[in-house]
Amino acid sequence: MVDDIPGLRRILTQYRNIAVVGLSAQWFRPSYLAAKYMMDRGYTIIPVNPRYDEVLGQKCYPSLRDVPVKVDIVDCFRRAEEIPAIVDDAVAIGAKVLWMQLGVINEEAARKAGAAGLEVVMDRCVKIEYARLFGGLNWFGVNTGVISAKRPPCNPVS
């Protein structure tokens, strides 16, 4: 499981296509806010939710297996008990990272994903981690825990 600053920074720098499972079309939902934030920073967001045809101006797919493009990160905004099925889909489509959002903890699913070759991030928010590691949170007086005399490398926009 990836739980260190260099690992999180590497994932967020290396991978650019994020399928957001459970992405809501309601602007005030955490999934929407996180996806919009990452989209505004140059990431490709692929909404996955059977309730919608479109979210954030992007075609929305009913499941991961229906996504016709390459997915690097599967960002899960679903309950912990739903994660094992998402792992199966993530493995089937060749995703590289399974990212479980804040409060989503499923050790069994994490082991299953890791055994299948996926990197796993659990109980972390992609938006918060991006802001913490590449700048943004400290503007609000938040102690990010990242101490360095050097600025972090800029995340290249593809």
Protein backbone atom coordinates (compact mmCIF):
# COMPACT_ATOMS: atom_id res chain seq x y z
CA MET A 1 0.00 0.00 0.00
CA VAL A 2 1.24 3.49 -0.85
CA ASP A 3 1.14 5.69 2.23
CA ASP A 4 4.24 7.85 1.98
CA ILE A 5 4.92 11.26 0.46
CA PRO A 6 7.24 10.07 -2.34
CA GLY A 7 4.81 7.32 -3.34
CA LEU A 8 1.78 9.59 -3.40
CA ARG A 9 3.72 12.26 -5.29
CA ARG A 10 4.87 9.66 -7.85
CA ILE A 11 1.32 8.38 -8.42
CA LEU A 12 -0.10 11.87 -8.86
CA THR A 13 2.71 12.81 -11.24
CA GLN A 14 2.87 9.61 -13.28
CA TYR A 15 -0.83 8.89 -13.82
CA ARG A 16 -3.22 11.34 -15.50
CA ASN A 17 -6.50 9.48 -16.21
CA ILE A 18 -8.79 9.15 -13.20
CA ALA A 19 -12.03 7.16 -13.28
CA VAL A 20 -14.16 8.45 -10.40
CA VAL A 21 -16.51 5.68 -9.31
CA GLY A 22 -19.56 7.17 -7.63
CA LEU A 23 -19.04 10.67 -9.05
CA SER A 24 -22.11 12.79 -8.33
CA ALA A 25 -23.47 15.50 -10.62
CA GLN A 26 -24.40 17.58 -7.56
CA TRP A 27 -21.87 20.41 -7.19
CA PHE A 28 -21.83 20.26 -3.38
CA ARG A 29 -20.91 16.56 -3.11
CA PRO A 30 -17.29 15.69 -2.19
CA SER A 31 -16.88 13.52 -5.30
CA TYR A 32 -17.84 16.43 -7.57
CA LEU A 33 -15.56 18.89 -5.76
CA ALA A 34 -12.58 16.51 -5.88
CA ALA A 35 -13.10 15.61 -9.55
CA LYS A 36 -13.51 19.25 -10.58
CA TYR A 37 -10.39 20.23 -8.66
CA MET A 38 -8.32 17.52 -10.37
CA MET A 39 -9.82 18.33 -13.78
CA ASP A 40 -8.84 21.98 -13.28
CA ARG A 41 -5.27 20.78 -12.74
CA GLY A 42 -5.07 18.97 -16.07
CA TYR A 43 -6.21 15.46 -15.16
CA THR A 44 -8.64 13.58 -17.36
CA ILE A 45 -11.71 12.73 -15.30
CA ILE A 46 -13.87 9.78 -16.33
CA PRO A 47 -17.19 9.75 -14.45
CA VAL A 48 -18.53 6.32 -13.47
CA ASN A 49 -22.09 6.32 -12.15
CA PRO A 50 -25.13 4.58 -13.66
CA ARG A 51 -27.41 7.43 -12.53
CA TYR A 52 -26.06 10.01 -14.99
CA ASP A 53 -25.36 10.43 -18.69
CA GLU A 54 -22.89 13.28 -18.13
CA VAL A 55 -21.00 14.86 -15.23
CA LEU A 56 -18.62 17.84 -15.45
CA GLY A 57 -19.20 17.93 -19.20
CA GLN A 58 -17.82 14.38 -19.56
CA LYS A 59 -19.70 11.29 -20.70
CA CYS A 60 -20.60 9.21 -17.65
CA TYR A 61 -20.30 5.41 -17.80
CA PRO A 62 -22.45 2.94 -15.84
CA SER A 63 -19.45 0.84 -14.76
CA LEU A 64 -15.68 0.70 -15.04
CA ARG A 65 -15.94 -2.10 -17.60
CA ASP A 66 -17.88 0.23 -19.91
CA VAL A 67 -15.10 2.84 -20.03
CA PRO A 68 -13.55 2.72 -23.54
CA VAL A 69 -10.33 4.59 -22.71
CA LYS A 70 -7.28 3.82 -20.58
CA VAL A 71 -7.79 4.31 -16.85
CA ASP A 72 -4.78 4.87 -14.61
CA ILE A 73 -6.39 5.60 -11.24
CA VAL A 74 -9.72 4.24 -10.01
CA ASP A 75 -10.87 6.77 -7.40
CA CYS A 76 -13.60 5.17 -5.25
CA PHE A 77 -16.39 7.24 -3.72
CA ARG A 78 -18.34 4.15 -2.64
CA ARG A 79 -18.94 2.36 0.65
CA ALA A 80 -16.21 0.00 1.87
CA GLU A 81 -18.32 -3.10 1.28
CA GLU A 82 -18.61 -2.21 -2.43
CA ILE A 83 -14.85 -1.99 -3.00
CA PRO A 84 -14.13 -5.72 -3.70
CA ALA A 85 -16.37 -5.64 -6.80
CA ILE A 86 -14.68 -2.42 -7.92
CA VAL A 87 -11.30 -4.15 -7.52
CA ASP A 88 -12.47 -6.89 -9.91
CA ASP A 89 -13.45 -4.27 -12.47
CA ALA A 90 -10.23 -2.27 -11.98
CA VAL A 91 -8.15 -5.40 -12.58
CA ALA A 92 -10.23 -6.33 -15.63
CA ILE A 93 -9.64 -2.95 -17.30
CA GLY A 94 -5.93 -2.82 -16.50
CA ALA A 95 -5.97 0.11 -14.06
CA LYS A 96 -2.73 0.89 -12.25
CA VAL A 97 -3.97 2.37 -8.95
CA LEU A 98 -6.93 1.73 -6.66
CA TRP A 99 -7.55 4.89 -4.61
CA MET A 100 -10.07 4.66 -1.75
CA GLN A 101 -11.28 8.03 -0.52
CA LEU A 102 -11.29 9.34 3.05
CA GLY A 103 -13.24 7.03 5.32
CA VAL A 104 -13.22 4.17 2.82
CA ILE A 105 -11.23 1.35 4.41
CA ASN A 106 -11.30 -2.25 3.19
CA GLU A 107 -8.14 -4.19 4.03
CA GLU A 108 -9.30 -7.33 2.21
CA ALA A 109 -9.96 -5.37 -1.01
CA ALA A 110 -6.57 -3.65 -0.63
CA ARG A 111 -4.81 -7.03 -0.37
CA LYS A 112 -6.78 -8.35 -3.35
CA ALA A 113 -5.87 -5.30 -5.46
CA GLY A 114 -2.23 -5.46 -4.41
CA ALA A 115 -2.04 -9.17 -5.25
CA ALA A 116 -3.40 -8.35 -8.72
CA GLY A 117 -0.63 -5.78 -9.26
CA LEU A 118 -2.45 -2.54 -8.49
CA GLU A 119 -0.96 0.10 -6.25
CA VAL A 120 -3.35 0.90 -3.42
CA VAL A 121 -4.04 4.15 -1.61
CA MET A 122 -6.59 3.92 1.18
CA ASP A 123 -8.41 6.44 3.37
CA ARG A 124 -7.01 9.48 1.54
CA CYS A 125 -8.54 12.16 -0.66
CA VAL A 126 -6.91 12.68 -4.05
CA LYS A 127 -7.75 16.40 -3.95
CA ILE A 128 -6.31 16.93 -0.48
CA GLU A 129 -3.18 14.93 -1.28
CA TYR A 130 -2.61 16.87 -4.50
CA ALA A 131 -3.01 20.20 -2.70
CA ARG A 132 -0.80 19.05 0.17
CA LEU A 133 2.00 17.76 -2.05
CA PHE A 134 1.93 20.24 -4.95
CA GLY A 135 0.75 23.39 -3.20
CA GLY A 136 -2.56 24.80 -2.15
CA LEU A 137 -3.38 23.67 1.37
CA ASN A 138 -0.67 25.75 3.01
CA TRP A 139 -2.31 28.89 1.62
CA PHE A 140 -5.04 28.38 4.21
CA GLY A 141 -2.65 27.91 7.11
CA VAL A 142 -2.87 24.13 7.11
CA ASN A 143 0.24 22.30 8.29
CA THR A 144 0.78 19.86 5.43
CA GLY A 145 3.50 17.88 7.17
CA VAL A 146 5.72 18.28 4.12
CA ILE A 147 8.91 20.00 5.22
CA SER A 148 11.34 20.92 2.50
CA ALA A 149 13.67 23.72 1.54
CA LYS A 150 12.80 23.04 -2.09
CA ARG A 151 9.54 23.49 -3.88
CA PRO A 152 7.95 20.22 -5.02
CA PRO A 153 8.28 19.44 -8.71
CA CYS A 154 5.46 20.91 -10.74
CA ASN A 155 2.94 18.38 -11.94
CA PRO A 156 3.20 18.60 -15.76
CA VAL A 157 -0.03 19.20 -17.61
CA SER A 158 -0.39 16.70 -20.42
